[in-house]
C-alpha atoms as a PDB file:
ATOM      1  CA  UNK A   1     137.435 164.168  70.698  1.00  0.00           C
ATOM      2  CA  UNK A   2     138.990 161.645  72.198  1.00  0.00           C
ATOM      3  CA  UNK A   3     138.661 158.117  72.478  1.00  0.00           C
ATOM      4  CA  UNK A   4     137.408 158.166  75.821  1.00  0.00           C
ATOM      5  CA  UNK A   5     134.457 161.143  75.124  1.00  0.00           C
ATOM      6  CA  UNK A   6     131.025 160.193  74.212  1.00  0.00           C
ATOM      7  CA  UNK A   7     128.434 162.003  72.621  1.00  0.00           C
ATOM      8  CA  UNK A   8     125.060 162.517  75.022  1.00  0.00           C
ATOM      9  CA  UNK A   9     121.725 163.384  73.497  1.00  0.00           C
ATOM     10  CA  UNK A  10     119.825 165.187  75.459  1.00  0.00           C
ATOM     11  CA  UNK A  11     115.755 166.076  75.438  1.00  0.00           C
ATOM     12  CA  UNK A  12     114.967 169.433  77.264  1.00  0.00           C
ATOM     13  CA  UNK A  13     112.310 171.709  77.357  1.00  0.00           C
ATOM     14  CA  UNK A  14     112.936 174.996  75.673  1.00  0.00           C
ATOM     15  CA  UNK A  15     112.125 177.393  78.245  1.00  0.00           C
ATOM     16  CA  UNK A  16     114.220 175.422  80.078  1.00  0.00           C
ATOM     17  CA  UNK A  17     117.445 175.347  78.611  1.00  0.00           C
ATOM     18  CA  UNK A  18     117.139 179.422  76.810  1.00  0.00           C
ATOM     19  CA  UNK A  19     117.533 179.653  80.903  1.00  0.00           C
ATOM     20  CA  UNK A  20     119.914 177.263  81.790  1.00  0.00           C
ATOM     21  CA  UNK A  21     122.235 178.366  78.763  1.00  0.00           C
ATOM     22  CA  UNK A  22     121.560 182.412  80.427  1.00  0.00           C
ATOM     23  CA  UNK A  23     122.769 180.728  83.966  1.00  0.00           C
ATOM     24  CA  UNK A  24     125.582 179.635  81.968  1.00  0.00           C
ATOM     25  CA  UNK A  25     126.712 183.155  80.137  1.00  0.00           C
ATOM     26  CA  UNK A  26     126.410 184.324  83.451  1.00  0.00           C
ATOM     27  CA  UNK A  27     129.038 182.373  85.119  1.00  0.00           C
ATOM     28  CA  UNK A  28     130.786 182.341  81.925  1.00  0.00           C
ATOM     29  CA  UNK A  29     130.595 178.600  80.847  1.00  0.00           C
ATOM     30  CA  UNK A  30     129.386 176.561  78.325  1.00  0.00           C
ATOM     31  CA  UNK A  31     125.848 174.870  78.363  1.00  0.00           C
ATOM     32  CA  UNK A  32     127.861 171.710  77.712  1.00  0.00           C
ATOM     33  CA  UNK A  33     130.690 172.268  80.628  1.00  0.00           C
ATOM     34  CA  UNK A  34     128.463 173.205  83.016  1.00  0.00           C
ATOM     35  CA  UNK A  35     126.418 169.735  82.514  1.00  0.00           C
ATOM     36  CA  UNK A  36     129.637 168.130  82.612  1.00  0.00           C
ATOM     37  CA  UNK A  37     130.464 169.707  86.172  1.00  0.00           C
ATOM     38  CA  UNK A  38     126.779 169.125  87.713  1.00  0.00           C
ATOM     39  CA  UNK A  39     127.213 165.264  86.447  1.00  0.00           C
ATOM     40  CA  UNK A  40     130.784 165.343  88.020  1.00  0.00           C
ATOM     41  CA  UNK A  41     129.258 167.289  92.139  1.00  0.00           C
ATOM     42  CA  UNK A  42     125.891 164.607  91.973  1.00  0.00           C
ATOM     43  CA  UNK A  43     128.293 161.520  91.002  1.00  0.00           C
ATOM     44  CA  UNK A  44     131.172 162.917  94.169  1.00  0.00           C
ATOM     45  CA  UNK A  45     127.831 163.111  96.128  1.00  0.00           C
ATOM     46  CA  UNK A  46     126.733 159.374  95.529  1.00  0.00           C
ATOM     47  CA  UNK A  47     130.155 158.263  96.036  1.00  0.00           C
ATOM     48  CA  UNK A  48     130.617 159.850  99.374  1.00  0.00           C
ATOM     49  CA  UNK A  49     127.670 158.347 100.401  1.00  0.00           C
ATOM     50  CA  UNK A  50     127.602 154.883  98.568  1.00  0.00           C
ATOM     51  CA  UNK A  51     131.363 154.114  98.356  1.00  0.00           C
ATOM     52  CA  UNK A  52     133.339 154.574  95.107  1.00  0.00           C
ATOM     53  CA  UNK A  53     131.657 153.532  91.932  1.00  0.00           C
ATOM     54  CA  UNK A  54     133.675 150.885  89.479  1.00  0.00           C
ATOM     55  CA  UNK A  55     133.038 151.410  86.094  1.00  0.00           C
ATOM     56  CA  UNK A  56     134.730 148.085  84.120  1.00  0.00           C
ATOM     57  CA  UNK A  57     137.332 149.011  81.439  1.00  0.00           C
ATOM     58  CA  UNK A  58     136.033 148.537  77.938  1.00  0.00           C
ATOM     59  CA  UNK A  59     137.610 146.550  75.812  1.00  0.00           C
ATOM     60  CA  UNK A  60     140.202 148.465  73.085  1.00  0.00           C
END
């Protein structure tokens, strides 16, 4: 894990998670990788409509 990676816990219904993992496996991705792709698409769609999101840099 690099310095910029963060752990993100998620509570989800077991049936939803099982189905999600099934579909992820079908497309050859881990659930984690698929969630990241969904997040990136969600962010890109938002920024396309509202402009780039400015994220403050963390102090080292």
